[in-house]
N, C-alpha and C. Protein backbone atom coordinates (compact mmCIF):
# COMPACT_ATOMS: atom_id res chain seq x y z
N UNK A 1 -2.97 -11.82 22.74
CA UNK A 1 -4.13 -11.38 21.95
C UNK A 1 -4.05 -9.88 21.71
N UNK A 2 -4.25 -9.45 20.49
CA UNK A 2 -4.15 -8.04 20.14
C UNK A 2 -5.44 -7.32 20.53
N UNK A 3 -5.26 -6.17 21.18
CA UNK A 3 -6.40 -5.37 21.60
C UNK A 3 -6.60 -4.22 20.62
N UNK A 4 -7.63 -4.33 19.77
CA UNK A 4 -7.94 -3.26 18.83
C UNK A 4 -8.69 -2.15 19.54
N UNK A 5 -8.30 -0.92 19.27
CA UNK A 5 -8.98 0.23 19.86
C UNK A 5 -10.43 0.28 19.40
N UNK A 6 -10.65 -0.01 18.12
CA UNK A 6 -11.99 0.03 17.55
C UNK A 6 -12.17 -1.15 16.60
N UNK A 7 -13.37 -1.72 16.61
CA UNK A 7 -13.66 -2.73 15.60
C UNK A 7 -14.22 -2.04 14.37
N UNK A 8 -14.46 -2.81 13.33
CA UNK A 8 -14.82 -2.19 12.04
C UNK A 8 -16.21 -1.57 12.08
N UNK A 9 -17.12 -2.11 12.89
CA UNK A 9 -18.45 -1.49 13.04
C UNK A 9 -18.33 -0.11 13.67
N UNK A 10 -17.46 0.00 14.66
CA UNK A 10 -17.26 1.29 15.33
C UNK A 10 -16.59 2.30 14.40
N UNK A 11 -15.69 1.82 13.55
CA UNK A 11 -15.04 2.70 12.59
C UNK A 11 -16.07 3.25 11.60
N UNK A 12 -16.92 2.38 11.08
CA UNK A 12 -17.93 2.86 10.14
C UNK A 12 -18.90 3.82 10.81
N UNK A 13 -19.25 3.54 12.05
CA UNK A 13 -20.14 4.43 12.79
C UNK A 13 -19.50 5.81 12.97
N UNK A 14 -18.20 5.83 13.22
CA UNK A 14 -17.49 7.12 13.32
C UNK A 14 -17.57 7.88 12.01
N UNK A 15 -17.36 7.19 10.90
CA UNK A 15 -17.45 7.84 9.58
C UNK A 15 -18.85 8.43 9.39
N UNK A 16 -19.87 7.67 9.74
CA UNK A 16 -21.24 8.16 9.58
C UNK A 16 -21.47 9.42 10.42
N UNK A 17 -20.98 9.42 11.64
CA UNK A 17 -21.18 10.58 12.51
C UNK A 17 -20.46 11.81 11.97
N UNK A 18 -19.27 11.61 11.42
CA UNK A 18 -18.54 12.75 10.87
C UNK A 18 -19.29 13.33 9.67
N UNK A 19 -19.80 12.47 8.81
CA UNK A 19 -20.53 12.92 7.62
C UNK A 19 -21.77 13.70 8.02
N UNK A 20 -22.50 13.20 9.00
CA UNK A 20 -23.69 13.91 9.49
C UNK A 20 -23.31 15.25 10.08
N UNK A 21 -22.23 15.27 10.83
CA UNK A 21 -21.77 16.52 11.45
C UNK A 21 -21.41 17.55 10.39
N UNK A 22 -20.73 17.13 9.34
CA UNK A 22 -20.38 18.05 8.25
C UNK A 22 -21.63 18.64 7.61
N UNK A 23 -22.61 17.83 7.36
CA UNK A 23 -23.79 18.28 6.62
C UNK A 23 -24.74 19.14 7.45
N UNK A 24 -24.45 19.31 8.72
CA UNK A 24 -25.24 20.26 9.51
C UNK A 24 -25.00 21.69 9.01
N UNK A 25 -23.81 21.94 8.47
CA UNK A 25 -23.48 23.24 7.89
C UNK A 25 -23.32 23.12 6.38
N UNK A 26 -22.73 22.01 5.94
CA UNK A 26 -22.59 21.69 4.51
C UNK A 26 -21.82 22.78 3.76
N UNK A 27 -20.62 23.06 4.21
CA UNK A 27 -19.77 24.06 3.56
C UNK A 27 -18.33 23.58 3.60
N UNK A 28 -17.67 23.62 2.44
CA UNK A 28 -16.27 23.19 2.37
C UNK A 28 -15.36 24.16 3.12
N UNK A 29 -15.85 25.35 3.38
CA UNK A 29 -15.07 26.36 4.10
C UNK A 29 -15.26 26.29 5.60
N UNK A 30 -16.10 25.39 6.04
CA UNK A 30 -16.36 25.28 7.48
C UNK A 30 -15.15 24.67 8.18
N UNK A 31 -14.66 25.30 9.25
CA UNK A 31 -13.56 24.70 10.01
C UNK A 31 -14.00 23.36 10.58
N UNK A 32 -13.16 22.36 10.44
CA UNK A 32 -13.52 21.04 10.93
C UNK A 32 -13.23 20.95 12.43
N UNK A 33 -14.17 20.38 13.15
CA UNK A 33 -14.00 20.18 14.59
C UNK A 33 -13.88 18.69 14.85
N UNK A 34 -12.71 18.28 15.31
CA UNK A 34 -12.48 16.88 15.64
C UNK A 34 -12.70 16.70 17.13
N UNK A 35 -13.67 15.87 17.53
CA UNK A 35 -14.01 15.75 18.95
C UNK A 35 -13.06 14.87 19.76
N UNK A 36 -12.07 14.26 19.11
CA UNK A 36 -11.22 13.31 19.80
C UNK A 36 -9.86 13.91 20.17
N UNK A 37 -9.20 13.28 21.11
CA UNK A 37 -7.86 13.69 21.52
C UNK A 37 -6.90 13.53 20.35
N UNK A 38 -6.00 14.48 20.18
CA UNK A 38 -5.13 14.50 18.99
C UNK A 38 -4.20 13.29 18.90
N UNK A 39 -3.95 12.63 20.01
CA UNK A 39 -3.04 11.48 19.98
C UNK A 39 -3.79 10.14 19.90
N UNK A 40 -5.10 10.20 19.60
CA UNK A 40 -5.89 8.98 19.58
C UNK A 40 -6.07 8.46 18.16
N UNK A 41 -6.36 7.18 18.06
CA UNK A 41 -6.64 6.55 16.77
C UNK A 41 -7.93 7.11 16.18
N UNK A 42 -8.90 7.39 17.07
CA UNK A 42 -10.17 7.94 16.61
C UNK A 42 -9.97 9.30 15.94
N UNK A 43 -9.03 10.08 16.45
CA UNK A 43 -8.76 11.39 15.87
C UNK A 43 -8.32 11.26 14.41
N UNK A 44 -7.45 10.30 14.15
CA UNK A 44 -6.96 10.10 12.78
C UNK A 44 -8.10 9.67 11.86
N UNK A 45 -8.95 8.78 12.35
CA UNK A 45 -10.09 8.32 11.54
C UNK A 45 -11.06 9.46 11.23
N UNK A 46 -11.32 10.32 12.21
CA UNK A 46 -12.21 11.46 11.99
C UNK A 46 -11.60 12.40 10.96
N UNK A 47 -10.29 12.63 11.06
CA UNK A 47 -9.60 13.48 10.08
C UNK A 47 -9.73 12.88 8.68
N UNK A 48 -9.56 11.57 8.59
CA UNK A 48 -9.67 10.89 7.30
C UNK A 48 -11.05 11.10 6.69
N UNK A 49 -12.08 10.88 7.49
CA UNK A 49 -13.44 11.05 7.01
C UNK A 49 -13.73 12.49 6.63
N UNK A 50 -13.20 13.42 7.40
CA UNK A 50 -13.40 14.85 7.12
C UNK A 50 -12.76 15.24 5.80
N UNK A 51 -11.55 14.76 5.56
CA UNK A 51 -10.87 15.04 4.29
C UNK A 51 -11.69 14.51 3.12
N UNK A 52 -12.17 13.29 3.25
CA UNK A 52 -12.96 12.67 2.16
C UNK A 52 -14.27 13.42 1.93
N UNK A 53 -14.91 13.83 3.00
CA UNK A 53 -16.20 14.52 2.87
C UNK A 53 -16.04 15.87 2.19
N UNK A 54 -15.05 16.62 2.61
CA UNK A 54 -14.80 17.93 1.99
C UNK A 54 -14.42 17.75 0.52
N UNK A 55 -13.56 16.77 0.24
CA UNK A 55 -13.15 16.56 -1.14
C UNK A 55 -14.33 16.12 -2.01
N UNK A 56 -15.24 15.33 -1.48
CA UNK A 56 -16.44 14.94 -2.21
C UNK A 56 -17.16 16.19 -2.72
N UNK A 57 -17.29 17.17 -1.86
CA UNK A 57 -18.02 18.38 -2.23
C UNK A 57 -17.18 19.33 -3.08
N UNK A 58 -15.88 19.30 -2.92
CA UNK A 58 -15.01 20.06 -3.83
C UNK A 58 -15.17 19.54 -5.25
N UNK A 59 -15.24 18.22 -5.39
CA UNK A 59 -15.43 17.62 -6.71
C UNK A 59 -16.76 18.05 -7.32
N UNK A 60 -17.78 18.21 -6.48
CA UNK A 60 -19.07 18.71 -6.97
C UNK A 60 -18.95 20.15 -7.47
N UNK A 61 -18.24 20.97 -6.71
CA UNK A 61 -18.13 22.39 -7.05
C UNK A 61 -17.40 22.64 -8.36
N UNK A 62 -16.49 21.75 -8.71
CA UNK A 62 -15.69 21.96 -9.92
C UNK A 62 -16.35 21.36 -11.16
N UNK A 63 -17.46 20.61 -10.99
CA UNK A 63 -18.10 19.92 -12.11
C UNK A 63 -18.84 20.81 -13.11
N UNK A 64 -19.56 21.85 -12.68
CA UNK A 64 -20.37 22.62 -13.65
C UNK A 64 -19.54 23.19 -14.79
N UNK A 65 -20.09 23.16 -16.01
CA UNK A 65 -19.36 23.68 -17.18
C UNK A 65 -19.14 25.18 -17.12
N UNK A 66 -19.98 25.89 -16.37
CA UNK A 66 -19.86 27.34 -16.33
C UNK A 66 -19.08 27.86 -15.13
N UNK A 67 -18.35 26.96 -14.43
CA UNK A 67 -17.56 27.42 -13.30
C UNK A 67 -16.47 28.37 -13.79
N UNK A 68 -16.25 29.44 -13.04
CA UNK A 68 -15.23 30.43 -13.40
C UNK A 68 -13.86 29.76 -13.48
N UNK A 69 -13.09 29.99 -14.56
CA UNK A 69 -11.78 29.33 -14.72
C UNK A 69 -10.83 29.58 -13.56
N UNK A 70 -10.82 30.80 -13.04
CA UNK A 70 -9.94 31.11 -11.91
C UNK A 70 -10.37 30.31 -10.68
N UNK A 71 -11.68 30.24 -10.46
CA UNK A 71 -12.20 29.46 -9.34
C UNK A 71 -11.93 27.97 -9.54
N UNK A 72 -12.04 27.51 -10.78
CA UNK A 72 -11.77 26.10 -11.07
C UNK A 72 -10.32 25.74 -10.75
N UNK A 73 -9.41 26.64 -11.08
CA UNK A 73 -8.00 26.38 -10.78
C UNK A 73 -7.78 26.35 -9.28
N UNK A 74 -8.42 27.26 -8.56
CA UNK A 74 -8.30 27.26 -7.10
C UNK A 74 -8.80 25.95 -6.50
N UNK A 75 -9.94 25.49 -7.02
CA UNK A 75 -10.49 24.24 -6.53
C UNK A 75 -9.60 23.05 -6.88
N UNK A 76 -9.03 23.08 -8.08
CA UNK A 76 -8.13 21.98 -8.50
C UNK A 76 -6.91 21.91 -7.59
N UNK A 77 -6.35 23.06 -7.26
CA UNK A 77 -5.21 23.09 -6.35
C UNK A 77 -5.60 22.56 -4.97
N UNK A 78 -6.80 22.91 -4.55
CA UNK A 78 -7.31 22.46 -3.26
C UNK A 78 -7.49 20.94 -3.26
N UNK A 79 -8.04 20.42 -4.36
CA UNK A 79 -8.23 18.98 -4.47
C UNK A 79 -6.88 18.25 -4.48
N UNK A 80 -5.90 18.80 -5.18
CA UNK A 80 -4.56 18.19 -5.18
C UNK A 80 -4.00 18.11 -3.77
N UNK A 81 -4.14 19.20 -3.02
CA UNK A 81 -3.64 19.21 -1.64
C UNK A 81 -4.41 18.23 -0.78
N UNK A 82 -5.72 18.15 -1.02
CA UNK A 82 -6.55 17.22 -0.28
C UNK A 82 -6.14 15.77 -0.55
N UNK A 83 -5.83 15.46 -1.80
CA UNK A 83 -5.38 14.11 -2.14
C UNK A 83 -4.11 13.73 -1.38
N UNK A 84 -3.20 14.69 -1.26
CA UNK A 84 -1.97 14.43 -0.52
C UNK A 84 -2.28 14.22 0.96
N UNK A 85 -3.16 15.07 1.51
CA UNK A 85 -3.55 14.91 2.92
C UNK A 85 -4.22 13.57 3.16
N UNK A 86 -5.03 13.16 2.19
CA UNK A 86 -5.71 11.87 2.29
C UNK A 86 -4.69 10.74 2.37
N UNK A 87 -3.71 10.78 1.48
CA UNK A 87 -2.67 9.74 1.47
C UNK A 87 -1.89 9.74 2.78
N UNK A 88 -1.51 10.92 3.24
CA UNK A 88 -0.75 11.02 4.50
C UNK A 88 -1.55 10.45 5.67
N UNK A 89 -2.85 10.70 5.67
CA UNK A 89 -3.69 10.22 6.77
C UNK A 89 -3.88 8.71 6.71
N UNK A 90 -4.04 8.18 5.51
CA UNK A 90 -4.12 6.72 5.36
C UNK A 90 -2.86 6.08 5.90
N UNK A 91 -1.73 6.65 5.61
CA UNK A 91 -0.46 6.08 6.06
C UNK A 91 -0.32 6.17 7.59
N UNK A 92 -0.92 7.18 8.20
CA UNK A 92 -0.93 7.26 9.66
C UNK A 92 -1.79 6.15 10.25
N UNK A 93 -2.88 5.82 9.57
CA UNK A 93 -3.72 4.71 10.03
C UNK A 93 -2.94 3.40 9.92
N UNK A 94 -2.20 3.24 8.82
CA UNK A 94 -1.40 2.03 8.66
C UNK A 94 -0.27 1.97 9.69
N UNK A 95 0.27 3.12 10.07
CA UNK A 95 1.30 3.13 11.12
C UNK A 95 0.74 2.53 12.42
N UNK A 96 -0.51 2.87 12.71
CA UNK A 96 -1.15 2.32 13.91
C UNK A 96 -1.23 0.79 13.81
N UNK A 97 -1.72 0.30 12.67
CA UNK A 97 -1.85 -1.15 12.53
C UNK A 97 -0.48 -1.84 12.48
N UNK A 98 0.48 -1.20 11.88
CA UNK A 98 1.83 -1.76 11.82
C UNK A 98 2.40 -1.93 13.23
N UNK A 99 2.13 -0.95 14.09
CA UNK A 99 2.62 -1.05 15.47
C UNK A 99 1.97 -2.21 16.21
N UNK A 100 0.75 -2.56 15.83
CA UNK A 100 0.07 -3.68 16.46
C UNK A 100 0.61 -5.02 15.99
N UNK A 101 0.89 -5.11 14.69
CA UNK A 101 1.19 -6.41 14.10
C UNK A 101 2.69 -6.71 13.93
N UNK A 102 3.53 -5.73 14.16
CA UNK A 102 4.95 -5.96 13.86
C UNK A 102 5.60 -7.01 14.78
N UNK A 103 5.00 -7.25 15.93
CA UNK A 103 5.56 -8.25 16.85
C UNK A 103 4.92 -9.62 16.66
N UNK A 104 3.97 -9.73 15.73
CA UNK A 104 3.31 -11.01 15.49
C UNK A 104 4.21 -11.89 14.62
N UNK A 105 4.63 -13.05 15.10
CA UNK A 105 5.47 -13.91 14.27
C UNK A 105 4.66 -14.49 13.10
N UNK A 106 5.13 -14.31 11.88
CA UNK A 106 4.37 -14.83 10.72
C UNK A 106 4.45 -16.36 10.66
N UNK A 107 3.36 -16.97 10.29
CA UNK A 107 3.37 -18.40 10.07
C UNK A 107 4.19 -18.74 8.84
N UNK A 108 4.61 -19.97 8.74
CA UNK A 108 5.44 -20.39 7.63
C UNK A 108 4.72 -20.23 6.30
N UNK A 109 3.40 -20.39 6.32
CA UNK A 109 2.61 -20.28 5.09
C UNK A 109 1.92 -18.91 4.97
N UNK A 110 2.41 -17.92 5.71
CA UNK A 110 1.79 -16.59 5.70
C UNK A 110 1.89 -15.95 4.32
N UNK A 111 0.88 -15.19 3.97
CA UNK A 111 0.84 -14.49 2.68
C UNK A 111 0.71 -12.99 2.90
N UNK A 112 0.87 -12.25 1.81
CA UNK A 112 0.74 -10.80 1.85
C UNK A 112 -0.57 -10.41 1.18
N UNK A 113 -1.30 -9.49 1.79
CA UNK A 113 -2.56 -9.04 1.22
C UNK A 113 -2.32 -8.04 0.09
N UNK A 114 -3.31 -7.88 -0.79
CA UNK A 114 -3.14 -6.95 -1.91
C UNK A 114 -3.19 -5.50 -1.47
N UNK A 115 -3.77 -5.22 -0.29
CA UNK A 115 -3.80 -3.86 0.23
C UNK A 115 -3.69 -3.91 1.74
N UNK A 116 -3.25 -2.82 2.31
CA UNK A 116 -3.10 -2.74 3.76
C UNK A 116 -4.46 -2.47 4.41
N UNK A 117 -4.56 -2.65 5.73
CA UNK A 117 -5.83 -2.33 6.40
C UNK A 117 -6.29 -0.90 6.15
N UNK A 118 -5.37 0.04 6.17
CA UNK A 118 -5.77 1.45 6.04
C UNK A 118 -6.33 1.76 4.66
N UNK A 119 -5.78 1.16 3.61
CA UNK A 119 -6.31 1.44 2.28
C UNK A 119 -7.67 0.78 2.08
N UNK A 120 -7.92 -0.33 2.79
CA UNK A 120 -9.25 -0.92 2.78
C UNK A 120 -10.22 -0.02 3.55
N UNK A 121 -9.77 0.54 4.65
CA UNK A 121 -10.59 1.47 5.44
C UNK A 121 -10.82 2.75 4.65
N UNK A 122 -9.88 3.15 3.83
CA UNK A 122 -10.07 4.30 2.94
C UNK A 122 -11.26 4.05 2.02
N UNK A 123 -11.37 2.87 1.48
CA UNK A 123 -12.51 2.55 0.61
C UNK A 123 -13.82 2.55 1.41
N UNK A 124 -13.73 2.14 2.67
CA UNK A 124 -14.92 2.14 3.52
C UNK A 124 -15.39 3.57 3.81
N UNK A 125 -14.45 4.47 3.97
CA UNK A 125 -14.78 5.88 4.19
C UNK A 125 -15.52 6.47 3.00
N UNK A 126 -15.03 6.18 1.80
CA UNK A 126 -15.69 6.66 0.58
C UNK A 126 -17.06 6.01 0.43
N UNK A 127 -17.15 4.75 0.79
CA UNK A 127 -18.42 4.03 0.71
C UNK A 127 -19.46 4.65 1.64
N UNK A 128 -19.03 5.09 2.82
CA UNK A 128 -19.95 5.74 3.75
C UNK A 128 -20.54 7.01 3.13
N UNK A 129 -19.71 7.74 2.39
CA UNK A 129 -20.19 8.94 1.69
C UNK A 129 -21.19 8.59 0.59
N UNK A 130 -20.89 7.55 -0.17
CA UNK A 130 -21.81 7.13 -1.23
C UNK A 130 -23.16 6.73 -0.66
N UNK A 131 -23.13 5.97 0.42
CA UNK A 131 -24.37 5.52 1.05
C UNK A 131 -25.18 6.72 1.55
N UNK A 132 -24.51 7.66 2.18
CA UNK A 132 -25.20 8.85 2.69
C UNK A 132 -25.89 9.61 1.56
N UNK A 133 -25.18 9.84 0.48
CA UNK A 133 -25.73 10.65 -0.61
C UNK A 133 -26.76 9.89 -1.44
N UNK A 134 -26.59 8.59 -1.58
CA UNK A 134 -27.60 7.82 -2.31
C UNK A 134 -28.89 7.71 -1.49
N UNK A 135 -28.77 7.71 -0.18
CA UNK A 135 -29.96 7.70 0.67
C UNK A 135 -30.79 8.97 0.42
N UNK A 136 -30.11 10.07 0.21
CA UNK A 136 -30.80 11.33 -0.10
C UNK A 136 -31.53 11.22 -1.44
N UNK A 137 -30.87 10.63 -2.42
CA UNK A 137 -31.48 10.49 -3.74
C UNK A 137 -32.69 9.55 -3.70
N UNK A 138 -32.59 8.50 -2.93
CA UNK A 138 -33.70 7.55 -2.81
C UNK A 138 -34.91 8.22 -2.16
N UNK A 139 -34.66 9.16 -1.26
CA UNK A 139 -35.75 9.82 -0.53
C UNK A 139 -36.42 10.94 -1.32
N UNK A 140 -35.86 11.31 -2.46
CA UNK A 140 -36.43 12.42 -3.24
C UNK A 140 -37.83 12.06 -3.77
N UNK A 141 -38.68 13.07 -3.80
CA UNK A 141 -40.04 12.88 -4.32
C UNK A 141 -40.27 13.64 -5.62
N UNK A 142 -39.23 14.32 -6.11
CA UNK A 142 -39.37 15.14 -7.31
C UNK A 142 -38.76 14.48 -8.53
N UNK A 143 -38.64 13.15 -8.52
CA UNK A 143 -38.02 12.43 -9.63
C UNK A 143 -38.99 11.37 -10.15
N UNK A 144 -38.68 10.87 -11.32
CA UNK A 144 -39.53 9.82 -11.91
C UNK A 144 -39.37 8.51 -11.15
N UNK A 145 -40.32 7.63 -11.32
CA UNK A 145 -40.24 6.31 -10.70
C UNK A 145 -39.03 5.54 -11.22
N UNK A 146 -38.74 5.74 -12.49
CA UNK A 146 -37.58 5.06 -13.08
C UNK A 146 -36.28 5.49 -12.40
N UNK A 147 -36.13 6.80 -12.20
CA UNK A 147 -34.92 7.27 -11.53
C UNK A 147 -34.87 6.79 -10.09
N UNK A 148 -36.00 6.84 -9.42
CA UNK A 148 -36.05 6.36 -8.04
C UNK A 148 -35.63 4.90 -7.95
N UNK A 149 -36.17 4.08 -8.84
CA UNK A 149 -35.84 2.65 -8.82
C UNK A 149 -34.36 2.41 -9.11
N UNK A 150 -33.82 3.22 -10.04
CA UNK A 150 -32.40 3.09 -10.36
C UNK A 150 -31.53 3.43 -9.14
N UNK A 151 -31.90 4.51 -8.45
CA UNK A 151 -31.15 4.91 -7.26
C UNK A 151 -31.30 3.89 -6.14
N UNK A 152 -32.51 3.35 -6.00
CA UNK A 152 -32.75 2.35 -4.97
C UNK A 152 -31.90 1.11 -5.21
N UNK A 153 -31.80 0.71 -6.46
CA UNK A 153 -30.99 -0.46 -6.81
C UNK A 153 -29.52 -0.23 -6.47
N UNK A 154 -29.03 0.96 -6.80
CA UNK A 154 -27.63 1.28 -6.50
C UNK A 154 -27.40 1.37 -5.00
N UNK A 155 -28.37 1.94 -4.31
CA UNK A 155 -28.27 2.05 -2.85
C UNK A 155 -28.21 0.66 -2.21
N UNK A 156 -29.04 -0.25 -2.68
CA UNK A 156 -29.02 -1.61 -2.16
C UNK A 156 -27.68 -2.29 -2.41
N UNK A 157 -27.11 -2.02 -3.58
CA UNK A 157 -25.80 -2.60 -3.90
C UNK A 157 -24.72 -2.03 -2.98
N UNK A 158 -24.81 -0.76 -2.69
CA UNK A 158 -23.84 -0.13 -1.79
C UNK A 158 -23.91 -0.75 -0.39
N UNK A 159 -25.12 -1.02 0.08
CA UNK A 159 -25.27 -1.65 1.40
C UNK A 159 -24.68 -3.05 1.41
N UNK A 160 -24.87 -3.77 0.30
CA UNK A 160 -24.27 -5.11 0.20
C UNK A 160 -22.75 -5.00 0.16
N UNK A 161 -22.26 -4.03 -0.58
CA UNK A 161 -20.81 -3.82 -0.66
C UNK A 161 -20.24 -3.46 0.70
N UNK A 162 -20.96 -2.63 1.44
CA UNK A 162 -20.53 -2.27 2.79
C UNK A 162 -20.37 -3.50 3.66
N UNK A 163 -21.38 -4.38 3.64
CA UNK A 163 -21.33 -5.60 4.44
C UNK A 163 -20.14 -6.48 4.04
N UNK A 164 -19.94 -6.64 2.74
CA UNK A 164 -18.84 -7.48 2.26
C UNK A 164 -17.48 -6.88 2.61
N UNK A 165 -17.35 -5.57 2.42
CA UNK A 165 -16.07 -4.92 2.70
C UNK A 165 -15.74 -4.96 4.18
N UNK A 166 -16.72 -4.71 5.02
CA UNK A 166 -16.47 -4.74 6.46
C UNK A 166 -16.06 -6.14 6.91
N UNK A 167 -16.71 -7.15 6.35
CA UNK A 167 -16.35 -8.53 6.69
C UNK A 167 -14.93 -8.84 6.21
N UNK A 168 -14.58 -8.36 5.02
CA UNK A 168 -13.25 -8.60 4.48
C UNK A 168 -12.17 -7.93 5.33
N UNK A 169 -12.45 -6.71 5.81
CA UNK A 169 -11.48 -6.01 6.65
C UNK A 169 -11.32 -6.73 7.98
N UNK A 170 -12.43 -7.15 8.56
CA UNK A 170 -12.37 -7.90 9.81
C UNK A 170 -11.53 -9.16 9.65
N UNK A 171 -11.74 -9.86 8.53
CA UNK A 171 -10.97 -11.08 8.27
C UNK A 171 -9.49 -10.76 8.12
N UNK A 172 -9.18 -9.69 7.39
CA UNK A 172 -7.78 -9.30 7.21
C UNK A 172 -7.11 -9.00 8.55
N UNK A 173 -7.78 -8.22 9.39
CA UNK A 173 -7.21 -7.87 10.69
C UNK A 173 -6.99 -9.11 11.55
N UNK A 174 -7.93 -10.03 11.50
CA UNK A 174 -7.81 -11.26 12.28
C UNK A 174 -6.65 -12.10 11.76
N UNK A 175 -6.51 -12.19 10.45
CA UNK A 175 -5.42 -12.99 9.88
C UNK A 175 -4.07 -12.35 10.15
N UNK A 176 -4.01 -11.03 10.18
CA UNK A 176 -2.77 -10.35 10.56
C UNK A 176 -2.43 -10.63 12.02
N UNK A 177 -3.45 -10.62 12.87
CA UNK A 177 -3.24 -10.87 14.29
C UNK A 177 -2.77 -12.29 14.55
N UNK A 178 -3.18 -13.22 13.68
CA UNK A 178 -2.82 -14.63 13.85
C UNK A 178 -1.57 -15.02 13.08
N UNK A 179 -0.99 -14.08 12.35
CA UNK A 179 0.22 -14.38 11.60
C UNK A 179 -0.04 -15.08 10.29
N UNK A 180 -1.31 -15.19 9.89
CA UNK A 180 -1.64 -15.80 8.60
C UNK A 180 -1.34 -14.86 7.44
N UNK A 181 -1.36 -13.55 7.72
CA UNK A 181 -0.98 -12.53 6.76
C UNK A 181 0.19 -11.74 7.33
N UNK A 182 1.02 -11.23 6.45
CA UNK A 182 2.13 -10.37 6.85
C UNK A 182 1.86 -8.96 6.38
N UNK A 183 2.00 -8.01 7.28
CA UNK A 183 1.75 -6.62 6.90
C UNK A 183 3.03 -5.96 6.45
N UNK A 184 3.01 -5.41 5.26
CA UNK A 184 4.14 -4.65 4.72
C UNK A 184 3.62 -3.31 4.24
N UNK A 185 4.43 -2.27 4.43
CA UNK A 185 4.03 -0.93 4.02
C UNK A 185 4.86 -0.47 2.84
N UNK A 186 4.17 -0.02 1.81
CA UNK A 186 4.80 0.63 0.68
C UNK A 186 4.22 2.04 0.59
N UNK A 187 5.02 3.02 0.95
CA UNK A 187 4.53 4.39 0.94
C UNK A 187 4.16 4.82 -0.47
N UNK A 188 3.17 5.67 -0.59
CA UNK A 188 2.74 6.16 -1.89
C UNK A 188 3.82 7.06 -2.50
N UNK A 189 4.22 6.76 -3.71
CA UNK A 189 5.29 7.52 -4.38
C UNK A 189 4.66 8.55 -5.32
N UNK A 190 4.02 9.54 -4.75
CA UNK A 190 3.36 10.56 -5.56
C UNK A 190 4.39 11.56 -6.07
N UNK A 191 4.36 11.84 -7.36
CA UNK A 191 5.34 12.72 -7.99
C UNK A 191 4.77 14.07 -8.40
N UNK A 192 3.43 14.12 -8.62
CA UNK A 192 2.86 15.30 -9.27
C UNK A 192 3.00 16.57 -8.44
N UNK A 193 3.03 16.43 -7.10
CA UNK A 193 3.10 17.63 -6.27
C UNK A 193 4.45 17.79 -5.57
N UNK A 194 5.44 17.05 -6.04
CA UNK A 194 6.79 17.15 -5.48
C UNK A 194 7.67 17.95 -6.44
N UNK A 195 8.11 19.16 -6.05
CA UNK A 195 8.90 20.00 -6.95
C UNK A 195 10.24 19.39 -7.34
N UNK A 196 10.68 18.37 -6.63
CA UNK A 196 11.95 17.73 -6.98
C UNK A 196 11.77 16.54 -7.91
N UNK A 197 10.50 16.11 -8.14
CA UNK A 197 10.23 14.92 -8.94
C UNK A 197 9.35 15.18 -10.16
N UNK A 198 8.59 16.25 -10.16
CA UNK A 198 7.70 16.56 -11.27
C UNK A 198 8.43 17.44 -12.27
N UNK A 199 8.69 16.94 -13.50
CA UNK A 199 9.45 17.72 -14.49
C UNK A 199 8.85 19.09 -14.78
N UNK A 200 7.53 19.21 -14.73
CA UNK A 200 6.89 20.49 -14.98
C UNK A 200 7.24 21.50 -13.91
N UNK A 201 7.60 21.02 -12.74
CA UNK A 201 7.95 21.91 -11.63
C UNK A 201 9.45 22.17 -11.57
N UNK A 202 10.26 21.09 -11.65
CA UNK A 202 11.69 21.35 -11.49
C UNK A 202 12.32 21.95 -12.74
N UNK A 203 11.75 21.69 -13.94
CA UNK A 203 12.27 22.35 -15.13
C UNK A 203 11.95 23.85 -15.12
N UNK A 204 10.78 24.20 -14.62
CA UNK A 204 10.39 25.61 -14.52
C UNK A 204 11.28 26.32 -13.52
N UNK A 205 11.57 25.63 -12.42
CA UNK A 205 12.41 26.20 -11.37
C UNK A 205 13.81 26.46 -11.90
N UNK A 206 14.30 25.55 -12.76
CA UNK A 206 15.66 25.69 -13.32
C UNK A 206 15.71 26.89 -14.27
């Protein structure tokens, strides 16, 4: 029987705690403090949530039409780097699950899932951010009833999506543990920030 370090409820709870911790200061320049041991699975999950939370707010900062062009470029570069860090961290989460499931003999009728556990957990991390911020919008008293109702409806949908996604992840992990699913890793082949693969970069270098 496979011993999971954390179940999906605990993972979502960790994401919630990280988001709350960030918003105590609410600054993209705030140094992130990870409370877990660097070699733990929890540490990687906290890092993942921290990356997503900071990037959420970076995307907010770059949205206004009157943002200074130089500042916008700085933010865009930061977001690009954050996207790469996000991908790298997701793959570290998948490395953990791969180490758990690689010794599980696949059943003869085993299938492959459309996404790995970590990429499903990536969606859960973003969902935690949406729920947090929509809760703020629902609680506002300076908006029309129409806007409040619209936000409440979306918030309710997010909660339903959370329940469905968490159940789906639990099912995937269980099926991987039982050999009903086979876990395969396909690393992300990002080209835009690789000077050896992006023509805009290697042609300029030449």
